[in-house]
Amino acid sequence: MTKRMLIMVGAVLLLIVVLAFGKYMQIKKLIASSPKPGAQVVTAVKAQTAEWQPQLSSVGTLAPVRGVDVTTEIAGLVREVRFKSGDEVKAGQVLFELNADSDVAQLRALQAAADLSATTLKRDKLQLTAQAISQAQVDADEADLKSKQALVAQQKALVAKKTIRAPFAGKLGITAINPGQYLNPGDKLVTLQTIDTVYVDFYVPQKQLASLSIGQKLNLTSDAYPGVAFPAKVTSISPKVDAATRNVQVQATVPNAKRQLLPGMFANVALDQGELKKYLTLPQTAITYNPYGSTVFVLAPPPANAKDPLKDDKGQPYLVAQQVFVTTGPTRGDQVAILTGVKDGQTVVTSGQLKLKNGTPATIDNKVQPANSPNPTPQEH
């Protein structure tokens, strides 16, 4: 009985071994027949050294060299408007005429009184010569004449104020004033701007004050004209630092012959600082930022001792990804400077890093490249 049980147990064990071996061979065959993973498609560029101009960036506001809202000093009824909105005017050109009939009449009356005082003074001087009157009478006549002449000058100034002129040459804005309209002192009549040259006012941190100088060149851009850089130069630096922000105000002069820039617009200011520097440059999309450091994937041929490397249709081994740590420097536009970790000429992955790890084979397809411009413009343009 015991011998028969041992035979049965042995048979069962033998069956289990045979089944396990068969399953092992089946799995081995499936693993051998399964396709090897293909190469991952990425975009890549060769790291290259480029010249960088250190710049200080700020946002400024454009202001006219001369600009004013023309107003009236005295009240009056508009008789005539002598321009059209948007006209170019010269200095002293008449813009508005106010009704001055009563003021002119008053001027004539005062002028007549002054003329009479002058005649009286002339006659009394002749009588003084003949000793017919005293010197005191002549002195009184002279004082009376000066008083009458002062009243005439005052009235002339009042009449002149009823003619509103351009204080300087420039371009007029849009007016809503019409003949027959009554004006009060201080009412805004029309804006007048000189814009052949404009100012840009901006602020820089106090730590950059030592690098600022009169005549320093800069460029400014406006979203109204994407891709266009307007040259300018620093013409004034405020002698006072804002105690609240610790910034100093800087003013630059911008030639504006085409009158593209208008007062009130904002502009991005790029102020050149120091000499040109050379940096190894990569697109910012190539950098993977982690808590433990910044990394990139470098593509290189597989090592000589690699076993059965994956090959392409032409029989050439695919490049292999290798993750390396880098130290980044300043940025400009879509680009970032690499201080350490990558050498000039190395091929660096710019997109598709999430599919990679050390040793992953990769193929490069640069039909669609990430942005890599030092001076990018908005995509909608």
Protein backbone atom coordinates (compact mmCIF):
# COMPACT_ATOMS: atom_id res chain seq x y z
CA MET A 1 0.00 0.00 0.00
CA THR A 2 2.76 2.38 0.89
CA LYS A 3 4.74 1.50 -2.24
CA ARG A 4 1.71 2.21 -4.43
CA MET A 5 1.20 5.64 -2.81
CA LEU A 6 4.81 6.56 -3.38
CA ILE A 7 4.50 5.65 -7.06
CA MET A 8 1.39 7.84 -7.37
CA VAL A 9 3.06 10.76 -5.62
CA GLY A 10 6.07 10.40 -7.87
CA ALA A 11 3.86 10.36 -10.94
CA VAL A 12 2.08 13.53 -9.83
CA LEU A 13 5.37 15.31 -9.20
CA LEU A 14 6.67 14.22 -12.57
CA LEU A 15 3.53 15.55 -14.23
CA ILE A 16 3.91 18.89 -12.45
CA VAL A 17 7.54 19.15 -13.55
CA VAL A 18 6.63 18.35 -17.16
CA LEU A 19 3.82 20.94 -17.17
CA ALA A 20 6.03 23.60 -15.59
CA PHE A 21 8.79 22.96 -18.08
CA GLY A 22 6.32 23.20 -20.94
CA LYS A 23 4.97 26.50 -19.62
CA TYR A 24 8.51 27.83 -19.22
CA MET A 25 9.37 26.95 -22.81
CA GLN A 26 6.14 28.59 -24.01
CA ILE A 27 6.88 31.84 -22.14
CA LYS A 28 10.46 31.84 -23.38
CA LYS A 29 9.24 31.42 -26.92
CA LEU A 30 6.76 34.30 -26.53
CA ILE A 31 9.46 36.56 -25.12
CA ALA A 32 11.81 35.67 -27.95
CA SER A 33 9.15 36.29 -30.56
CA SER A 34 7.89 39.59 -29.07
CA PRO A 35 9.01 42.70 -31.04
CA LYS A 36 11.72 44.85 -29.56
CA PRO A 37 10.67 48.38 -28.54
CA GLY A 38 11.24 50.90 -31.32
CA ALA A 39 13.18 54.15 -31.13
CA GLN A 40 11.41 57.18 -29.63
CA VAL A 41 10.82 60.13 -31.96
CA VAL A 42 12.13 63.46 -30.61
CA THR A 43 13.25 66.85 -31.86
CA ALA A 44 16.81 67.94 -31.23
CA VAL A 45 19.35 70.68 -31.98
CA LYS A 46 23.10 70.96 -31.77
CA ALA A 47 24.26 73.14 -28.90
CA GLN A 48 26.04 76.16 -30.35
CA THR A 49 27.83 79.17 -28.94
CA ALA A 50 26.14 82.50 -29.68
CA GLU A 51 26.96 86.12 -28.89
CA TRP A 52 24.71 87.74 -26.30
CA GLN A 53 24.34 91.43 -25.63
CA PRO A 54 23.56 91.85 -21.91
CA GLN A 55 20.40 93.91 -21.68
CA LEU A 56 18.24 95.53 -19.05
CA SER A 57 14.54 95.25 -19.84
CA SER A 58 11.82 97.59 -18.66
CA VAL A 59 8.39 98.89 -19.65
CA GLY A 60 8.15 102.56 -20.54
CA THR A 61 5.52 105.13 -21.44
CA LEU A 62 5.78 107.39 -24.48
CA ALA A 63 5.42 111.12 -24.04
CA PRO A 64 5.60 114.01 -26.53
CA VAL A 65 8.53 116.38 -26.66
CA ARG A 66 5.85 119.06 -26.48
CA GLY A 67 2.24 118.34 -25.72
CA VAL A 68 -0.62 120.34 -24.26
CA ASP A 69 -4.38 120.50 -24.06
CA VAL A 70 -5.20 123.95 -25.46
CA THR A 71 -7.58 125.82 -23.12
CA THR A 72 -9.11 129.26 -22.82
CA GLU A 73 -8.02 131.73 -20.17
CA ILE A 74 -11.25 133.69 -20.17
CA ALA A 75 -14.92 132.98 -20.79
CA GLY A 76 -16.53 133.78 -24.09
CA LEU A 77 -18.70 132.76 -27.01
CA VAL A 78 -16.97 130.93 -29.89
CA ARG A 79 -17.30 132.95 -33.09
CA GLU A 80 -15.05 130.90 -35.38
CA VAL A 81 -13.05 127.64 -35.42
CA ARG A 82 -10.12 128.02 -37.81
CA PHE A 83 -8.87 124.46 -38.20
CA LYS A 84 -9.97 120.91 -38.82
CA SER A 85 -9.34 118.04 -36.46
CA GLY A 86 -5.95 116.46 -37.16
CA ASP A 87 -4.46 119.52 -38.90
CA GLU A 88 -0.80 120.43 -38.74
CA VAL A 89 -0.40 123.94 -37.35
CA LYS A 90 2.43 126.41 -36.94
CA ALA A 91 3.37 128.28 -33.80
CA GLY A 92 1.07 131.29 -33.34
CA GLN A 93 -1.55 130.07 -35.81
CA VAL A 94 -5.10 131.12 -34.84
CA LEU A 95 -7.22 128.21 -33.65
CA PHE A 96 -10.34 129.86 -32.16
CA GLU A 97 -11.90 133.31 -32.30
CA LEU A 98 -14.16 134.34 -29.42
CA ASN A 99 -16.70 137.14 -29.59
CA ALA A 100 -14.83 140.33 -28.58
CA ASP A 101 -17.13 143.12 -29.85
CA SER A 102 -17.81 144.65 -26.42
CA ASP A 103 -14.15 144.37 -25.45
CA VAL A 104 -13.03 146.10 -28.65
CA ALA A 105 -15.53 148.91 -28.03
CA GLN A 106 -14.23 149.32 -24.50
CA LEU A 107 -10.69 149.42 -25.88
CA ARG A 108 -11.60 152.24 -28.24
CA ALA A 109 -13.12 154.25 -25.40
CA LEU A 110 -10.03 153.79 -23.26
CA GLN A 111 -7.79 154.67 -26.20
CA ALA A 112 -9.76 157.89 -26.76
CA ALA A 113 -9.36 158.80 -23.08
CA ALA A 114 -5.63 158.12 -23.32
CA ASP A 115 -5.36 160.28 -26.45
CA LEU A 116 -7.17 163.11 -24.64
CA SER A 117 -4.77 162.80 -21.70
CA ALA A 118 -1.82 163.00 -24.10
CA THR A 119 -3.25 166.16 -25.70
CA THR A 120 -3.87 167.74 -22.30
CA LEU A 121 -0.31 166.97 -21.21
CA LYS A 122 1.10 168.51 -24.39
CA ARG A 123 -0.95 171.70 -23.94
CA ASP A 124 -0.08 172.04 -20.25
CA LYS A 125 3.62 171.67 -21.02
CA LEU A 126 3.33 174.68 -23.36
CA GLN A 127 1.55 176.64 -20.65
CA LEU A 128 4.24 175.68 -18.15
CA THR A 129 6.81 177.15 -20.51
CA ALA A 130 4.85 180.41 -20.40
CA GLN A 131 4.60 180.03 -16.60
CA ALA A 132 0.80 180.03 -16.88
CA ILE A 133 0.43 176.86 -14.75
CA SER A 134 2.45 175.12 -12.09
CA GLN A 135 4.77 172.10 -12.42
CA ALA A 136 2.37 170.17 -10.20
CA GLN A 137 -0.32 170.34 -12.86
CA VAL A 138 2.02 168.93 -15.50
CA ASP A 139 3.04 166.12 -13.16
CA ALA A 140 -0.61 165.27 -12.58
CA ASP A 141 -1.20 165.23 -16.34
CA GLU A 142 1.69 162.82 -16.84
CA ALA A 143 0.40 160.47 -14.14
CA ASP A 144 -3.07 160.56 -15.63
CA LEU A 145 -1.69 159.71 -19.10
CA LYS A 146 0.27 156.72 -17.76
CA SER A 147 -2.82 155.48 -15.95
CA LYS A 148 -4.93 155.76 -19.11
CA GLN A 149 -2.24 154.02 -21.19
CA ALA A 150 -2.09 151.16 -18.63
CA LEU A 151 -5.84 150.70 -18.95
CA VAL A 152 -5.48 150.59 -22.73
CA ALA A 153 -2.73 147.92 -22.47
CA GLN A 154 -4.88 145.90 -20.08
CA GLN A 155 -7.83 146.02 -22.45
CA LYS A 156 -5.62 145.08 -25.42
CA ALA A 157 -4.45 142.01 -23.53
CA LEU A 158 -8.07 141.08 -22.82
CA VAL A 159 -8.97 141.44 -26.50
CA ALA A 160 -5.92 139.36 -27.50
CA LYS A 161 -7.08 136.55 -25.18
CA LYS A 162 -10.25 136.29 -27.25
CA THR A 163 -8.02 134.98 -30.08
CA ILE A 164 -6.67 131.56 -29.10
CA ARG A 165 -3.46 130.60 -30.90
CA ALA A 166 -1.25 127.49 -31.11
CA PRO A 167 1.54 127.87 -28.53
CA PHE A 168 3.92 125.81 -30.69
CA ALA A 169 3.96 123.88 -33.97
CA GLY A 170 2.49 120.40 -33.94
CA LYS A 171 -0.42 118.16 -34.80
CA LEU A 172 -3.90 118.88 -33.50
CA GLY A 173 -6.21 116.25 -32.11
CA ILE A 174 -9.98 115.96 -32.38
CA THR A 175 -12.09 118.86 -31.14
CA ALA A 176 -15.75 118.95 -30.17
CA ILE A 177 -15.94 122.77 -30.04
CA ASN A 178 -18.33 124.46 -32.48
CA PRO A 179 -19.16 128.11 -33.31
CA GLY A 180 -21.76 129.51 -30.95
CA GLN A 181 -20.60 127.40 -28.03
CA TYR A 182 -19.96 129.18 -24.73
CA LEU A 183 -16.60 128.47 -23.09
CA ASN A 184 -15.61 128.75 -19.46
CA PRO A 185 -12.03 129.42 -18.29
CA GLY A 186 -10.01 126.20 -18.29
CA ASP A 187 -12.24 124.29 -20.73
CA LYS A 188 -10.28 121.80 -22.86
CA LEU A 189 -10.56 122.83 -26.50
CA VAL A 190 -8.17 120.56 -28.44
CA THR A 191 -4.95 118.64 -27.85
CA LEU A 192 -1.73 119.73 -29.56
CA GLN A 193 1.25 117.36 -29.79
CA THR A 194 4.72 117.55 -31.33
CA ILE A 195 5.55 113.93 -32.22
CA ASP A 196 8.38 114.07 -34.77
CA THR A 197 10.46 113.11 -31.75
CA VAL A 198 9.04 111.51 -28.60
CA TYR A 199 10.28 110.63 -25.14
CA VAL A 200 10.07 107.24 -23.45
CA ASP A 201 10.03 107.31 -19.66
CA PHE A 202 10.91 104.13 -17.78
CA TYR A 203 12.27 102.97 -14.44
CA VAL A 204 15.28 100.80 -13.61
CA PRO A 205 16.37 99.34 -10.24
CA GLN A 206 18.87 101.36 -8.26
CA LYS A 207 21.45 98.55 -8.48
CA GLN A 208 21.63 99.22 -12.24
CA LEU A 209 22.28 102.93 -11.75
CA ALA A 210 26.05 102.59 -12.17
CA SER A 211 25.60 101.09 -15.64
CA LEU A 212 23.48 104.01 -16.89
CA SER A 213 24.93 106.98 -18.74
CA ILE A 214 23.74 109.87 -20.87
CA GLY A 215 23.86 108.96 -24.56
CA GLN A 216 23.53 105.23 -23.90
CA LYS A 217 21.78 103.45 -26.77
CA LEU A 218 18.65 101.36 -26.39
CA ASN A 219 15.87 99.83 -28.46
CA LEU A 220 12.17 99.86 -27.80
CA THR A 221 9.35 97.82 -29.29
CA SER A 222 5.60 98.25 -29.30
CA ASP A 223 2.88 95.67 -29.79
CA ALA A 224 1.37 98.06 -32.33
CA TYR A 225 4.33 97.29 -34.64
CA PRO A 226 5.49 93.73 -33.88
CA GLY A 227 8.98 92.93 -35.04
CA VAL A 228 9.96 96.60 -35.43
CA ALA A 229 12.69 98.01 -33.17
CA PHE A 230 12.91 101.77 -32.65
CA PRO A 231 16.41 103.06 -31.74
CA ALA A 232 16.72 105.62 -28.96
CA LYS A 233 19.29 107.03 -26.58
CA VAL A 234 19.23 108.08 -22.95
CA THR A 235 18.95 111.86 -22.57
CA SER A 236 18.07 112.28 -18.90
CA ILE A 237 18.48 110.39 -15.62
CA SER A 238 16.53 111.51 -12.58
CA PRO A 239 18.74 112.77 -9.72
CA LYS A 240 16.36 111.15 -7.21
CA VAL A 241 15.56 107.50 -6.48
CA ASP A 242 11.96 106.69 -5.60
CA ALA A 243 12.04 105.83 -1.89
CA ALA A 244 9.00 103.54 -2.21
CA THR A 245 10.22 101.36 -5.09
CA ARG A 246 14.00 102.05 -5.04
CA ASN A 247 13.81 102.67 -8.78
CA VAL A 248 15.24 105.58 -10.73
CA GLN A 249 13.44 107.26 -13.62
CA VAL A 250 15.20 107.39 -16.97
CA GLN A 251 14.14 109.31 -20.07
CA ALA A 252 15.24 108.50 -23.61
CA THR A 253 14.66 110.35 -26.86
CA VAL A 254 13.20 108.43 -29.80
CA PRO A 255 13.25 109.73 -33.40
CA ASN A 256 9.73 109.35 -34.81
CA ALA A 257 9.87 110.70 -38.35
CA LYS A 258 7.09 108.35 -39.54
CA ARG A 259 4.99 109.25 -36.50
CA GLN A 260 4.31 105.62 -35.72
CA LEU A 261 4.74 106.13 -31.98
CA LEU A 262 2.08 108.15 -30.20
CA PRO A 263 2.11 109.72 -26.74
CA GLY A 264 0.50 107.52 -24.12
CA MET A 265 1.54 104.21 -25.70
CA PHE A 266 3.56 101.76 -23.65
CA ALA A 267 6.75 100.24 -25.01
CA ASN A 268 9.17 97.47 -24.06
CA VAL A 269 12.62 98.95 -23.51
CA ALA A 270 15.84 96.95 -23.97
CA LEU A 271 18.89 98.80 -22.71
CA ASP A 272 22.28 97.45 -23.79
CA GLN A 273 24.73 96.95 -20.93
CA GLY A 274 28.40 96.09 -21.11
CA GLU A 275 30.25 94.16 -23.80
CA LEU A 276 29.08 91.21 -25.89
CA LYS A 277 29.31 87.82 -24.19
CA LYS A 278 29.39 84.31 -25.62
CA TYR A 279 27.08 81.63 -24.24
CA LEU A 280 26.25 78.07 -25.21
CA THR A 281 22.62 78.45 -26.21
CA LEU A 282 19.65 76.05 -26.19
CA PRO A 283 15.88 76.47 -26.54
CA GLN A 284 14.22 76.74 -23.14
CA THR A 285 12.06 73.71 -23.99
CA ALA A 286 15.19 71.52 -23.81
CA ILE A 287 15.52 72.09 -20.06
CA THR A 288 13.70 69.86 -17.57
CA TYR A 289 13.53 71.60 -14.21
CA ASN A 290 13.47 69.35 -11.15
CA PRO A 291 13.80 69.95 -7.40
CA TYR A 292 17.18 68.27 -7.48
CA GLY A 293 18.46 70.24 -10.49
CA SER A 294 18.01 71.05 -14.16
CA THR A 295 18.64 68.34 -16.76
CA VAL A 296 18.74 67.77 -20.51
CA PHE A 297 18.90 64.65 -22.66
CA VAL A 298 21.97 64.39 -24.89
CA LEU A 299 21.88 62.05 -27.90
CA ALA A 300 25.01 60.08 -28.81
CA PRO A 301 25.89 56.82 -30.64
CA PRO A 302 25.60 53.66 -28.49
CA PRO A 303 28.80 52.63 -26.67
CA ALA A 304 31.14 50.24 -28.46
CA ASN A 305 30.47 47.47 -25.94
CA ALA A 306 26.68 47.69 -26.30
CA LYS A 307 25.02 44.32 -26.96
CA ASP A 308 22.73 44.11 -29.96
CA PRO A 309 21.92 47.86 -30.30
CA LEU A 310 18.67 48.78 -32.03
CA LYS A 311 19.23 49.70 -35.68
CA ASP A 312 17.26 51.64 -38.29
CA ASP A 313 16.20 50.49 -41.77
CA LYS A 314 19.67 51.24 -43.11
CA GLY A 315 21.32 49.09 -40.47
CA GLN A 316 22.74 52.06 -38.55
CA PRO A 317 22.41 52.03 -34.75
CA TYR A 318 20.00 54.57 -33.32
CA LEU A 319 21.30 57.37 -31.12
CA VAL A 320 20.95 56.73 -27.41
CA ALA A 321 19.62 59.25 -24.88
CA GLN A 322 21.69 60.16 -21.85
CA GLN A 323 20.38 62.47 -19.12
CA VAL A 324 22.89 65.04 -17.84
CA PHE A 325 22.70 67.84 -15.27
CA VAL A 326 23.20 71.41 -16.48
CA THR A 327 23.66 74.85 -14.96
CA THR A 328 21.52 77.49 -16.66
CA GLY A 329 22.35 81.17 -17.02
CA PRO A 330 20.47 84.21 -18.33
CA THR A 331 17.59 83.91 -20.77
CA ARG A 332 16.58 85.92 -23.82
CA GLY A 333 13.33 85.25 -25.62
CA ASP A 334 12.95 81.50 -26.20
CA GLN A 335 16.62 80.81 -25.47
CA VAL A 336 18.59 80.00 -22.33
CA ALA A 337 22.34 80.08 -21.73
CA ILE A 338 23.99 76.86 -20.56
CA LEU A 339 26.96 77.43 -18.26
CA THR A 340 27.94 73.81 -17.51
CA GLY A 341 26.89 70.28 -18.44
CA VAL A 342 26.76 70.49 -22.25
CA LYS A 343 29.57 70.96 -24.76
CA ASP A 344 29.51 72.84 -28.04
CA GLY A 345 28.27 70.60 -30.85
CA GLN A 346 26.44 68.03 -28.73
CA THR A 347 22.97 67.01 -29.90
CA VAL A 348 20.36 67.94 -27.28
CA VAL A 349 16.70 66.88 -27.22
CA THR A 350 14.32 69.86 -27.39
CA SER A 351 10.98 68.02 -27.13
CA GLY A 352 9.84 64.50 -26.32
CA GLN A 353 11.88 64.15 -23.12
CA LEU A 354 8.99 62.49 -21.26
CA LYS A 355 9.44 59.39 -23.45
CA LEU A 356 13.12 59.05 -22.64
CA LYS A 357 15.30 57.58 -19.95
CA ASN A 358 18.98 56.70 -19.87
CA GLY A 359 19.80 54.35 -22.73
CA THR A 360 16.56 54.85 -24.68
CA PRO A 361 17.18 54.73 -28.46
CA ALA A 362 15.86 57.80 -30.26
CA THR A 363 15.34 59.09 -33.76
CA ILE A 364 15.24 62.76 -34.65
CA ASP A 365 12.35 64.34 -36.56
CA ASN A 366 12.63 68.13 -36.79
CA LYS A 367 9.65 68.79 -39.03
CA VAL A 368 8.08 70.76 -36.15
CA GLN A 369 10.63 72.54 -33.98
CA PRO A 370 10.00 74.31 -30.65
CA ALA A 371 10.37 78.09 -30.62
CA ASN A 372 14.00 79.21 -30.51
CA SER A 373 14.00 82.95 -31.19
CA PRO A 374 15.98 85.51 -29.17
CA ASN A 375 13.29 88.10 -29.96
CA PRO A 376 9.94 86.29 -30.13
CA THR A 377 6.77 88.01 -31.26
CA PRO A 378 3.19 87.20 -30.23
CA GLN A 379 1.85 84.15 -32.04
CA GLU A 380 -1.29 85.94 -33.14
CA HIS A 381 0.88 88.17 -35.32
